[in-house]
Protein backbone atom coordinates (compact mmCIF):
# COMPACT_ATOMS: atom_id res chain seq x y z
CA UNK A 1 119.83 19.04 152.37
CA UNK A 2 119.46 15.17 151.42
CA UNK A 3 121.99 12.96 150.62
CA UNK A 4 122.06 10.89 147.17
CA UNK A 5 121.35 7.39 149.38
CA UNK A 6 118.09 9.35 151.18
CA UNK A 7 117.19 10.95 147.88
CA UNK A 8 117.58 7.51 145.93
CA UNK A 9 115.39 5.61 149.17
CA UNK A 10 112.32 7.70 148.98
CA UNK A 11 111.78 7.49 144.88
CA UNK A 12 108.22 6.70 143.98
CA UNK A 13 107.81 3.39 143.10
CA UNK A 14 107.52 3.83 139.30
CA UNK A 15 110.42 5.92 138.82
CA UNK A 16 112.68 3.21 140.62
CA UNK A 17 110.79 0.55 138.12
CA UNK A 18 112.23 3.26 135.46
CA UNK A 19 115.38 2.95 136.64
CA UNK A 20 115.14 -0.84 136.92
CA UNK A 21 114.18 -1.23 133.62
CA UNK A 22 117.21 1.83 132.40
CA UNK A 23 119.94 -0.73 133.97
CA UNK A 24 118.71 -3.81 132.64
CA UNK A 25 117.94 -2.40 128.81
CA UNK A 26 120.90 0.12 129.02
CA UNK A 27 118.75 2.81 127.68
CA UNK A 28 116.19 5.20 128.32
CA UNK A 29 112.73 4.91 127.39
CA UNK A 30 113.30 7.33 124.58
CA UNK A 31 115.52 4.58 123.21
CA UNK A 32 118.65 7.02 123.82
CA UNK A 33 121.62 4.87 125.37
CA UNK A 34 122.97 5.57 129.10
CA UNK A 35 126.28 7.10 129.27
CA UNK A 36 128.34 4.30 132.00
CA UNK A 37 127.93 7.14 134.47
CA UNK A 38 124.14 7.25 133.97
CA UNK A 39 124.26 3.67 134.11
CA UNK A 40 126.04 3.41 137.43
CA UNK A 41 124.17 6.34 139.25
CA UNK A 42 120.72 4.28 138.40
CA UNK A 43 121.86 0.83 139.80
CA UNK A 44 123.30 2.84 142.64
CA UNK A 45 120.07 4.66 143.07
CA UNK A 46 118.16 1.04 142.52
CA UNK A 47 120.25 -0.53 145.50
CA UNK A 48 119.75 2.16 147.88
CA UNK A 49 115.78 2.13 147.28
CA UNK A 50 116.13 -1.75 147.52
CA UNK A 51 117.98 -1.49 150.88
CA UNK A 52 114.95 0.81 152.28
CA UNK A 53 112.49 -1.20 150.93
CA UNK A 54 112.78 -5.00 150.15
CA UNK A 55 113.76 -7.91 152.23
CA UNK A 56 117.61 -9.04 151.27
CA UNK A 57 116.43 -12.07 149.04
CA UNK A 58 114.06 -9.55 146.92
CA UNK A 59 117.07 -7.29 146.12
CA UNK A 60 118.77 -6.48 143.35
CA UNK A 61 122.29 -9.00 142.90
CA UNK A 62 120.65 -11.15 145.91
CA UNK A 63 122.78 -14.13 145.96
CA UNK A 64 121.35 -17.46 147.90
CA UNK A 65 123.99 -18.76 150.39
CA UNK A 66 125.82 -15.57 150.25
CA UNK A 67 128.89 -14.52 148.42
CA UNK A 68 130.12 -17.50 146.27
CA UNK A 69 133.43 -19.40 148.55
CA UNK A 70 131.12 -18.86 151.32
CA UNK A 71 133.16 -15.75 152.65
CA UNK A 72 133.53 -11.93 152.48
CA UNK A 73 135.70 -11.03 149.21
CA UNK A 74 139.08 -10.81 149.69
CA UNK A 75 141.59 -7.96 148.05
CA UNK A 76 144.39 -9.34 145.45
CA UNK A 77 147.72 -9.54 146.81
CA UNK A 78 149.82 -6.69 146.60
CA UNK A 79 152.01 -7.23 143.50
CA UNK A 80 155.58 -8.78 144.45
CA UNK A 81 158.29 -5.61 143.66
CA UNK A 82 160.56 -5.70 141.46
CA UNK A 83 164.24 -6.87 142.06
């Protein structure tokens, strides 16, 4: 059985392009709005496809020069405990 990532990476290009368009517009070709869950799943599929088929600079979300601030994203500090 294929994982979601394996399945998404093997999508036909025209399906991939339809998912990109749906994410960009927030709706399906018939005009029906994507739910938040549908949009998240479509975006995950697009990212998996990009990772398999495109160089980093051509992928969705690519930032020249890397992450702003020049490093890895960092977790926020834990909130202080109430005294």
